[in-house]
N, C-alpha and C. Protein backbone atom coordinates (compact mmCIF):
# COMPACT_ATOMS: atom_id res chain seq x y z
N MET A 1 78.15 92.15 93.20
CA MET A 1 78.64 91.18 93.88
C MET A 1 78.08 90.87 95.60
N GLU A 2 77.80 89.88 95.48
CA GLU A 2 77.32 89.46 97.15
C GLU A 2 77.64 88.56 98.05
N LEU A 3 78.13 88.81 99.25
CA LEU A 3 79.19 87.87 99.88
C LEU A 3 78.24 86.82 101.02
N SER A 4 78.33 85.92 100.60
CA SER A 4 78.05 84.62 102.00
C SER A 4 78.82 84.24 102.09
N TYR A 5 78.17 83.29 103.25
CA TYR A 5 79.26 82.34 103.84
C TYR A 5 78.23 81.47 103.97
N VAL A 6 79.15 79.94 103.45
CA VAL A 6 78.41 78.89 102.99
C VAL A 6 78.92 77.53 103.93
N ASN A 7 78.46 76.47 104.09
CA ASN A 7 79.33 75.46 104.43
C ASN A 7 80.50 75.11 103.23
N ILE A 8 81.45 74.97 103.94
CA ILE A 8 82.68 74.70 103.57
C ILE A 8 82.78 73.30 102.61
N ALA A 9 81.69 72.10 103.02
CA ALA A 9 81.66 71.00 102.60
C ALA A 9 80.70 71.03 101.19
N ASP A 10 80.04 72.40 100.85
CA ASP A 10 79.18 72.80 99.40
C ASP A 10 80.02 73.20 98.96
N VAL A 11 81.33 73.62 98.75
CA VAL A 11 82.13 74.39 97.87
C VAL A 11 83.12 72.88 97.52
N LYS A 12 83.66 73.03 95.93
CA LYS A 12 85.00 72.23 95.59
C LYS A 12 85.27 72.95 94.66
N GLU A 13 86.60 71.88 94.72
CA GLU A 13 87.50 72.47 94.14
C GLU A 13 87.58 72.18 92.74
N TYR A 14 88.14 73.14 92.08
CA TYR A 14 88.70 72.99 90.42
C TYR A 14 89.22 71.88 90.21
N VAL A 15 89.02 71.14 89.54
CA VAL A 15 90.23 69.72 89.99
C VAL A 15 90.97 69.83 88.42
N ARG A 16 90.90 70.68 87.64
CA ARG A 16 91.83 71.27 86.80
C ARG A 16 92.42 72.49 86.94
N ASN A 17 92.79 72.81 88.01
CA ASN A 17 93.22 73.67 88.44
C ASN A 17 94.66 73.55 88.34
N PRO A 18 95.61 74.79 87.22
CA PRO A 18 96.63 74.14 87.16
C PRO A 18 97.76 74.65 88.27
N ARG A 19 96.85 75.55 89.22
CA ARG A 19 98.18 76.45 90.38
C ARG A 19 98.27 75.45 91.68
N GLN A 20 99.69 74.93 92.02
CA GLN A 20 99.23 74.23 93.17
C GLN A 20 100.31 74.61 94.33
N HIS A 21 99.51 74.43 95.36
CA HIS A 21 99.83 74.90 96.90
C HIS A 21 100.52 73.46 97.80
N SER A 22 101.71 73.98 98.07
CA SER A 22 102.63 73.26 98.78
C SER A 22 101.73 73.24 100.10
N GLU A 23 101.73 72.39 101.07
CA GLU A 23 101.58 71.82 102.56
C GLU A 23 101.95 73.14 103.47
N GLN A 24 103.23 73.73 102.79
CA GLN A 24 103.74 74.60 104.20
C GLN A 24 103.30 76.08 103.38
N GLN A 25 103.03 75.85 102.26
CA GLN A 25 102.02 77.41 102.06
C GLN A 25 100.41 77.77 102.23
N ILE A 26 99.95 76.32 102.16
CA ILE A 26 98.71 76.43 102.64
C ILE A 26 98.86 76.35 104.32
N GLN A 27 99.59 76.43 104.98
CA GLN A 27 100.08 76.32 106.74
C GLN A 27 100.25 77.65 107.17
N GLU A 28 101.18 78.55 105.51
CA GLU A 28 101.28 79.85 105.73
C GLU A 28 100.00 80.69 105.73
N ILE A 29 99.34 79.88 104.50
CA ILE A 29 98.05 80.60 104.45
C ILE A 29 97.32 80.77 105.55
N ALA A 30 96.96 79.13 106.11
CA ALA A 30 96.27 79.27 107.60
C ALA A 30 96.81 80.12 108.75
N THR A 31 97.68 79.95 108.66
CA THR A 31 98.68 81.35 110.25
C THR A 31 97.94 82.36 109.46
N SER A 32 98.03 83.06 108.60
CA SER A 32 97.83 84.23 107.93
C SER A 32 95.93 84.42 108.64
N ILE A 33 95.18 83.44 108.11
CA ILE A 33 94.00 83.66 108.49
C ILE A 33 93.65 83.82 110.17
N GLN A 34 94.71 83.10 110.84
CA GLN A 34 94.26 83.11 112.05
C GLN A 34 94.74 84.04 112.77
N HIS A 35 95.71 85.19 111.95
CA HIS A 35 96.35 86.11 112.78
C HIS A 35 95.59 87.32 112.11
N PHE A 36 94.84 87.66 111.10
CA PHE A 36 94.35 88.20 110.48
C PHE A 36 93.08 88.38 110.40
N GLY A 37 92.99 87.35 110.11
CA GLY A 37 91.27 86.91 109.71
C GLY A 37 90.81 87.04 108.15
N TRP A 38 89.83 86.76 108.23
CA TRP A 38 89.38 86.00 106.79
C TRP A 38 89.56 87.86 105.86
N LYS A 39 89.71 87.73 104.99
CA LYS A 39 90.12 89.07 104.39
C LYS A 39 89.33 88.93 102.72
N ALA A 40 89.56 87.84 102.11
CA ALA A 40 89.47 87.98 100.55
C ALA A 40 88.40 86.68 100.16
N PRO A 41 87.23 86.49 99.93
CA PRO A 41 86.26 85.35 100.02
C PRO A 41 87.43 85.23 98.51
N ILE A 42 86.47 83.69 98.90
CA ILE A 42 87.09 82.53 97.86
C ILE A 42 85.80 82.55 96.41
N LEU A 43 86.21 82.89 95.92
CA LEU A 43 85.81 83.12 94.45
C LEU A 43 84.75 81.88 93.92
N VAL A 44 83.22 81.58 93.59
CA VAL A 44 82.93 80.25 93.24
C VAL A 44 82.63 80.78 91.62
N ASP A 45 81.95 79.74 91.40
CA ASP A 45 80.75 79.67 90.17
C ASP A 45 79.47 79.20 90.94
N SER A 46 78.56 79.65 89.47
CA SER A 46 76.88 78.64 90.48
C SER A 46 76.95 77.32 90.62
N THR A 47 77.58 76.48 90.57
CA THR A 47 77.62 75.16 91.26
C THR A 47 78.96 74.89 92.36
N MET A 48 79.36 76.00 92.90
CA MET A 48 80.24 76.28 93.96
C MET A 48 81.67 75.40 93.81
N THR A 49 82.13 75.40 92.45
CA THR A 49 83.23 75.28 92.11
C THR A 49 84.13 76.62 92.33
N ILE A 50 85.10 76.16 93.30
CA ILE A 50 86.25 77.55 93.45
C ILE A 50 86.96 77.81 91.90
N ILE A 51 86.85 79.36 91.79
CA ILE A 51 87.47 80.09 90.89
C ILE A 51 88.80 80.68 91.23
N SER A 52 88.82 80.97 92.10
CA SER A 52 89.55 81.63 93.02
C SER A 52 89.97 81.84 94.42
N GLY A 53 91.28 81.41 94.96
CA GLY A 53 91.14 81.19 96.44
C GLY A 53 91.52 79.27 96.72
N HIS A 54 91.32 78.68 95.76
CA HIS A 54 92.29 77.33 96.09
C HIS A 54 93.14 77.73 97.73
N GLY A 55 93.79 78.00 97.58
CA GLY A 55 95.03 78.27 98.69
C GLY A 55 94.24 78.57 99.77
N ARG A 56 93.01 79.76 99.79
CA ARG A 56 92.64 79.76 101.53
C ARG A 56 91.56 78.89 101.64
N TYR A 57 90.50 78.07 100.32
CA TYR A 57 90.09 76.97 100.84
C TYR A 57 90.58 75.87 101.55
N LYS A 58 91.28 74.96 100.91
CA LYS A 58 92.73 74.26 101.60
C LYS A 58 92.74 74.55 103.00
N ALA A 59 93.15 75.97 102.83
CA ALA A 59 93.62 76.42 105.04
C ALA A 59 92.81 76.48 105.30
N ALA A 60 91.62 76.66 105.10
CA ALA A 60 90.24 76.56 105.83
C ALA A 60 90.23 75.21 106.30
N LYS A 61 90.37 74.19 105.57
CA LYS A 61 89.62 72.98 105.25
C LYS A 61 91.00 72.59 106.96
N LEU A 62 92.26 73.18 106.96
CA LEU A 62 93.16 72.93 107.44
C LEU A 62 92.84 73.26 109.08
N LEU A 63 91.83 74.37 109.21
CA LEU A 63 92.11 74.62 110.30
C LEU A 63 90.55 74.11 110.90
N GLY A 64 89.66 73.52 110.14
CA GLY A 64 88.59 72.75 110.68
C GLY A 64 87.20 74.04 110.45
N MET A 65 87.16 74.88 109.84
CA MET A 65 86.54 75.89 109.98
C MET A 65 85.34 75.06 108.61
N GLU A 66 83.99 75.30 109.79
CA GLU A 66 82.77 74.82 108.93
C GLU A 66 82.27 75.58 107.70
N GLN A 67 82.50 77.04 107.87
CA GLN A 67 82.05 78.21 107.11
C GLN A 67 82.61 78.65 106.46
N ILE A 68 82.98 79.64 104.90
CA ILE A 68 83.62 80.29 104.57
C ILE A 68 83.39 81.36 103.75
N PRO A 69 83.87 82.66 103.33
CA PRO A 69 82.92 83.23 102.74
C PRO A 69 83.13 83.09 101.31
N VAL A 70 82.19 83.68 100.52
CA VAL A 70 82.32 83.25 99.20
C VAL A 70 81.58 84.17 98.20
N VAL A 71 81.80 84.48 96.74
CA VAL A 71 81.39 85.30 96.18
C VAL A 71 80.94 84.20 95.06
N GLN A 72 79.91 84.13 94.47
CA GLN A 72 79.57 83.63 93.56
C GLN A 72 79.00 84.07 92.28
N THR A 73 80.36 84.06 91.48
CA THR A 73 80.01 84.92 90.03
C THR A 73 78.77 84.30 88.96
N GLY A 74 77.88 83.14 89.19
CA GLY A 74 77.18 83.40 88.16
C GLY A 74 77.45 82.37 87.31
N GLU A 75 76.58 82.51 85.94
CA GLU A 75 77.07 81.42 85.22
C GLU A 75 78.62 81.83 84.22
N LEU A 76 79.34 81.00 84.10
CA LEU A 76 80.49 81.08 83.10
C LEU A 76 80.63 80.06 82.49
N SER A 77 80.65 80.49 80.89
CA SER A 77 81.00 78.81 80.29
C SER A 77 82.26 78.31 80.55
N GLN A 78 82.75 77.37 80.18
CA GLN A 78 83.46 76.73 80.75
C GLN A 78 85.52 76.62 80.29
N GLU A 79 84.70 77.47 79.01
CA GLU A 79 86.19 78.14 78.81
C GLU A 79 86.43 79.46 79.07
N ASP A 80 85.69 79.85 79.99
CA ASP A 80 85.63 81.48 80.61
C ASP A 80 86.46 81.25 81.75
N ARG A 81 85.98 80.40 82.58
CA ARG A 81 85.94 79.63 83.59
C ARG A 81 87.63 79.12 83.62
N ALA A 82 88.09 78.27 82.94
CA ALA A 82 89.57 78.05 82.89
C ALA A 82 90.37 79.14 82.84
N ALA A 83 89.91 80.19 81.49
CA ALA A 83 90.67 81.06 81.33
C ALA A 83 90.61 81.57 82.24
N TYR A 84 89.60 82.22 83.20
CA TYR A 84 89.78 83.27 84.58
C TYR A 84 91.02 82.62 85.79
N VAL A 85 90.99 81.01 85.70
CA VAL A 85 91.57 80.27 87.09
C VAL A 85 93.08 80.53 86.31
N ILE A 86 93.17 80.78 84.89
CA ILE A 86 94.52 80.79 85.22
C ILE A 86 95.53 82.19 84.83
N ALA A 87 94.39 83.04 84.65
CA ALA A 87 94.23 84.76 84.35
C ALA A 87 94.50 85.32 85.38
N ASP A 88 93.64 84.86 86.46
CA ASP A 88 93.79 85.46 87.95
C ASP A 88 95.25 85.05 88.97
N ASN A 89 95.64 84.00 88.51
CA ASN A 89 97.16 83.76 89.07
C ASN A 89 98.26 83.99 88.40
N ARG A 90 98.11 83.75 86.91
CA ARG A 90 99.30 84.18 85.90
C ARG A 90 99.78 86.36 86.66
N LEU A 91 98.49 86.85 86.16
CA LEU A 91 98.32 88.36 86.22
C LEU A 91 99.18 88.27 87.35
N ALA A 92 98.70 88.35 88.13
CA ALA A 92 99.59 88.80 89.81
C ALA A 92 100.63 88.20 89.92
N GLU A 93 101.25 87.60 89.31
CA GLU A 93 102.88 87.12 89.16
C GLU A 93 103.45 88.11 88.34
N LYS A 94 102.92 89.00 87.79
CA LYS A 94 103.60 90.00 86.73
C LYS A 94 104.03 91.05 87.45
N SER A 95 103.36 91.44 88.61
CA SER A 95 103.66 92.84 89.67
C SER A 95 105.01 92.41 89.88
N SER A 96 105.46 93.54 90.22
CA SER A 96 106.52 93.77 91.15
C SER A 96 106.55 94.32 92.26
N TRP A 97 107.33 94.00 92.59
CA TRP A 97 107.73 95.20 94.02
C TRP A 97 109.40 96.64 94.25
N SER A 98 108.49 96.80 94.39
CA SER A 98 109.72 98.16 94.94
C SER A 98 110.10 97.70 96.05
N VAL A 99 111.72 97.64 95.96
CA VAL A 99 112.55 96.72 97.00
C VAL A 99 112.58 97.58 98.04
N ASP A 100 112.52 99.20 97.58
CA ASP A 100 112.92 100.08 98.88
C ASP A 100 111.47 100.28 99.41
N LEU A 101 110.65 100.19 98.84
CA LEU A 101 109.28 100.35 99.88
C LEU A 101 109.30 99.23 100.93
N LEU A 102 109.26 98.11 100.32
CA LEU A 102 109.36 96.76 101.12
C LEU A 102 110.00 96.74 101.80
N GLN A 103 111.63 97.19 101.89
CA GLN A 103 112.63 97.22 103.20
C GLN A 103 112.08 98.63 104.22
N MET A 104 111.12 99.39 103.56
CA MET A 104 111.14 100.46 104.64
C MET A 104 109.70 99.89 105.68
N GLU A 105 109.12 98.83 104.84
CA GLU A 105 107.29 98.14 105.14
C GLU A 105 108.70 97.67 106.73
N PHE A 106 109.56 96.22 106.35
CA PHE A 106 109.61 95.47 106.69
C PHE A 106 111.03 96.08 108.25
N ASP A 107 111.23 97.02 107.57
CA ASP A 107 112.22 98.05 109.22
C ASP A 107 111.15 98.58 110.00
N SER A 108 109.61 98.92 109.44
CA SER A 108 108.97 99.29 110.30
C SER A 108 108.37 98.11 111.26
N LEU A 109 107.83 96.94 110.43
CA LEU A 109 107.50 96.00 111.03
C LEU A 109 108.06 95.42 112.48
N ARG A 110 110.07 95.60 112.16
CA ARG A 110 110.53 94.97 112.73
C ARG A 110 110.82 95.32 114.36
N SER A 111 110.94 96.93 113.96
CA SER A 111 110.92 98.06 114.91
C SER A 111 109.94 97.71 116.10
N LEU A 112 108.65 97.29 115.78
CA LEU A 112 107.42 96.67 116.33
C LEU A 112 107.16 95.62 117.34
N ASP A 113 108.56 94.62 116.94
CA ASP A 113 108.53 93.64 117.44
C ASP A 113 107.51 92.38 116.69
N PHE A 114 106.88 92.92 115.64
CA PHE A 114 106.02 91.79 115.07
C PHE A 114 106.81 91.14 114.28
N ASP A 115 105.63 89.66 114.04
CA ASP A 115 106.11 88.39 113.48
C ASP A 115 106.55 88.45 112.42
N MET A 116 107.40 88.29 112.03
CA MET A 116 107.95 88.83 110.42
C MET A 116 107.15 87.37 109.47
N SER A 117 107.07 86.35 110.31
CA SER A 117 106.98 85.10 109.49
C SER A 117 105.22 85.31 108.29
N LEU A 118 105.00 86.42 109.58
CA LEU A 118 103.74 86.68 108.68
C LEU A 118 103.12 87.34 107.71
N THR A 119 104.37 87.50 107.35
CA THR A 119 104.52 88.51 105.71
C THR A 119 104.62 87.59 104.71
N GLY A 120 105.10 86.19 105.23
CA GLY A 120 105.37 85.17 103.89
C GLY A 120 106.89 85.01 103.04
N PHE A 121 107.54 86.11 103.91
CA PHE A 121 108.79 86.42 103.49
C PHE A 121 109.54 85.46 103.95
N ASP A 122 111.06 84.82 104.11
CA ASP A 122 111.68 84.71 104.90
C ASP A 122 112.66 85.66 105.02
N ILE A 123 112.73 86.76 105.50
CA ILE A 123 113.10 87.99 105.38
C ILE A 123 114.80 88.22 105.63
N GLU A 124 115.33 87.10 106.28
CA GLU A 124 117.12 86.82 105.77
C GLU A 124 117.38 86.41 104.68
N THR A 125 116.91 85.72 103.86
CA THR A 125 117.25 85.09 102.48
C THR A 125 116.43 86.00 101.36
N GLN A 126 115.44 85.84 101.49
CA GLN A 126 114.78 86.31 100.27
C GLN A 126 114.94 87.91 100.15
N ILE A 127 114.84 88.91 100.84
CA ILE A 127 115.07 90.40 100.33
C ILE A 127 116.59 90.30 99.72
N ALA A 128 117.56 89.94 99.99
CA ALA A 128 118.53 89.84 99.65
C ALA A 128 118.57 89.51 98.01
N THR A 129 117.70 88.57 97.73
CA THR A 129 117.95 88.02 96.46
C THR A 129 117.27 88.74 95.40
N PHE A 130 115.98 89.94 95.85
CA PHE A 130 115.34 91.02 94.84
C PHE A 130 116.45 91.72 94.27
N GLU A 131 115.89 92.30 93.53
CA GLU A 131 116.63 93.35 92.24
C GLU A 131 115.32 94.23 92.03
N PRO A 132 116.25 95.87 91.70
CA PRO A 132 115.33 96.42 91.97
C PRO A 132 114.09 96.74 90.44
N GLU A 133 113.30 97.04 90.52
CA GLU A 133 112.28 96.84 89.78
C GLU A 133 112.30 96.97 88.27
N LEU A 134 113.23 98.39 88.06
CA LEU A 134 113.88 98.68 86.85
C LEU A 134 115.27 99.15 87.07
N GLU A 135 116.40 98.83 86.11
CA GLU A 135 117.46 98.90 86.46
C GLU A 135 117.87 100.51 86.21
N PRO A 136 118.69 101.13 87.10
CA PRO A 136 118.46 102.64 86.54
C PRO A 136 118.92 103.35 85.53
N THR A 137 118.33 104.12 85.28
CA THR A 137 118.12 104.63 83.80
C THR A 137 119.06 105.96 83.81
N ALA A 138 120.07 105.80 82.68
CA ALA A 138 120.92 106.86 82.22
C ALA A 138 119.86 108.37 82.31
N ALA A 139 120.38 109.55 82.60
CA ALA A 139 119.53 110.73 82.37
C ALA A 139 119.25 111.08 81.16
N GLY A 140 117.92 111.54 81.01
CA GLY A 140 117.28 111.35 79.72
C GLY A 140 116.89 110.34 79.30
N ARG A 141 117.37 109.39 79.50
CA ARG A 141 117.23 107.69 78.62
C ARG A 141 115.56 107.28 78.93
N GLU A 142 114.49 107.00 78.01
CA GLU A 142 113.15 106.59 78.78
C GLU A 142 113.26 105.09 79.04
N ILE A 143 112.31 104.31 79.84
CA ILE A 143 112.59 103.23 79.45
C ILE A 143 111.53 102.56 78.53
N THR A 144 112.32 101.72 78.23
CA THR A 144 112.03 100.81 76.91
C THR A 144 111.02 99.39 77.65
N GLU A 145 110.09 98.64 76.28
CA GLU A 145 109.36 98.09 76.56
C GLU A 145 110.40 96.51 76.69
N ALA A 146 111.88 97.22 76.08
CA ALA A 146 112.62 95.69 76.71
C ALA A 146 113.20 95.96 77.95
N ASP A 147 112.83 96.80 78.72
CA ASP A 147 113.43 97.29 80.12
C ASP A 147 112.62 96.45 80.95
N VAL A 148 110.96 96.10 80.54
CA VAL A 148 109.70 96.29 81.23
C VAL A 148 109.66 94.88 81.41
N SER A 149 110.10 94.85 79.57
CA SER A 149 109.79 92.63 79.74
C SER A 149 111.35 92.13 80.55
N LYS A 150 112.48 92.33 80.14
CA LYS A 150 113.37 92.21 81.08
C LYS A 150 112.93 92.09 82.73
N THR A 151 112.18 93.02 83.40
CA THR A 151 112.07 92.95 84.49
C THR A 151 110.95 92.29 84.70
N ALA A 152 109.91 91.84 84.15
CA ALA A 152 108.84 91.10 84.64
C ALA A 152 109.49 89.49 84.36
N ASP A 153 110.23 89.28 83.39
CA ASP A 153 110.96 87.98 83.19
C ASP A 153 111.83 87.45 85.00
N LYS A 154 112.49 88.57 84.96
CA LYS A 154 113.02 88.45 86.63
C LYS A 154 112.05 88.23 87.73
N MET A 155 110.89 88.87 87.94
CA MET A 155 110.48 89.00 88.54
C MET A 155 109.26 87.65 88.37
N SER A 156 109.29 87.46 87.20
CA SER A 156 107.91 85.79 87.44
C SER A 156 108.57 84.85 88.06
N VAL A 157 110.00 84.65 87.76
CA VAL A 157 110.74 83.63 88.28
C VAL A 157 110.46 83.54 89.95
N MET A 158 110.13 84.47 90.87
CA MET A 158 109.63 84.45 92.16
C MET A 158 108.43 84.03 92.50
N GLY A 159 107.56 84.33 91.36
CA GLY A 159 105.91 83.93 91.68
C GLY A 159 104.86 84.94 92.85
N ALA A 160 104.39 84.55 92.53
CA ALA A 160 102.89 84.67 93.28
C ALA A 160 101.91 84.35 93.53
N ASP A 161 100.57 84.32 94.29
CA ASP A 161 99.69 83.61 94.60
C ASP A 161 98.29 84.69 94.64
């Protein structure tokens, strides 16, 4: 994979991208780019059509950026491109959070007077709605696929990008 910087005008959105980004989320991504810099390139195919990174692309446009970092995949069949766009978003949604570790990180950031809005969380309301990754298991009881499925279902409601 080779990273290159291209004119934003040369990059095209995938018009059939099923993942949608609200104006608020685009603004949050733009704020993140301003604070942290650009940390993840946009993935494009050989026609410069976005495969992954629509939100970052829209944020870059909002910021008036003229060049953006991209990685080209080369040739992809139409089916593979469509499937990857879906998989890239859906598979990220299936991850979960360790509430305890998340709280430790939040506490650490707060102690440094860090701008908590940069985390993408509404700290006061969202952390209270989180549930542990898996329900506590009784001594000696193994975690079953049903436990994992139940947790994945809960977490997928929260979404990801």
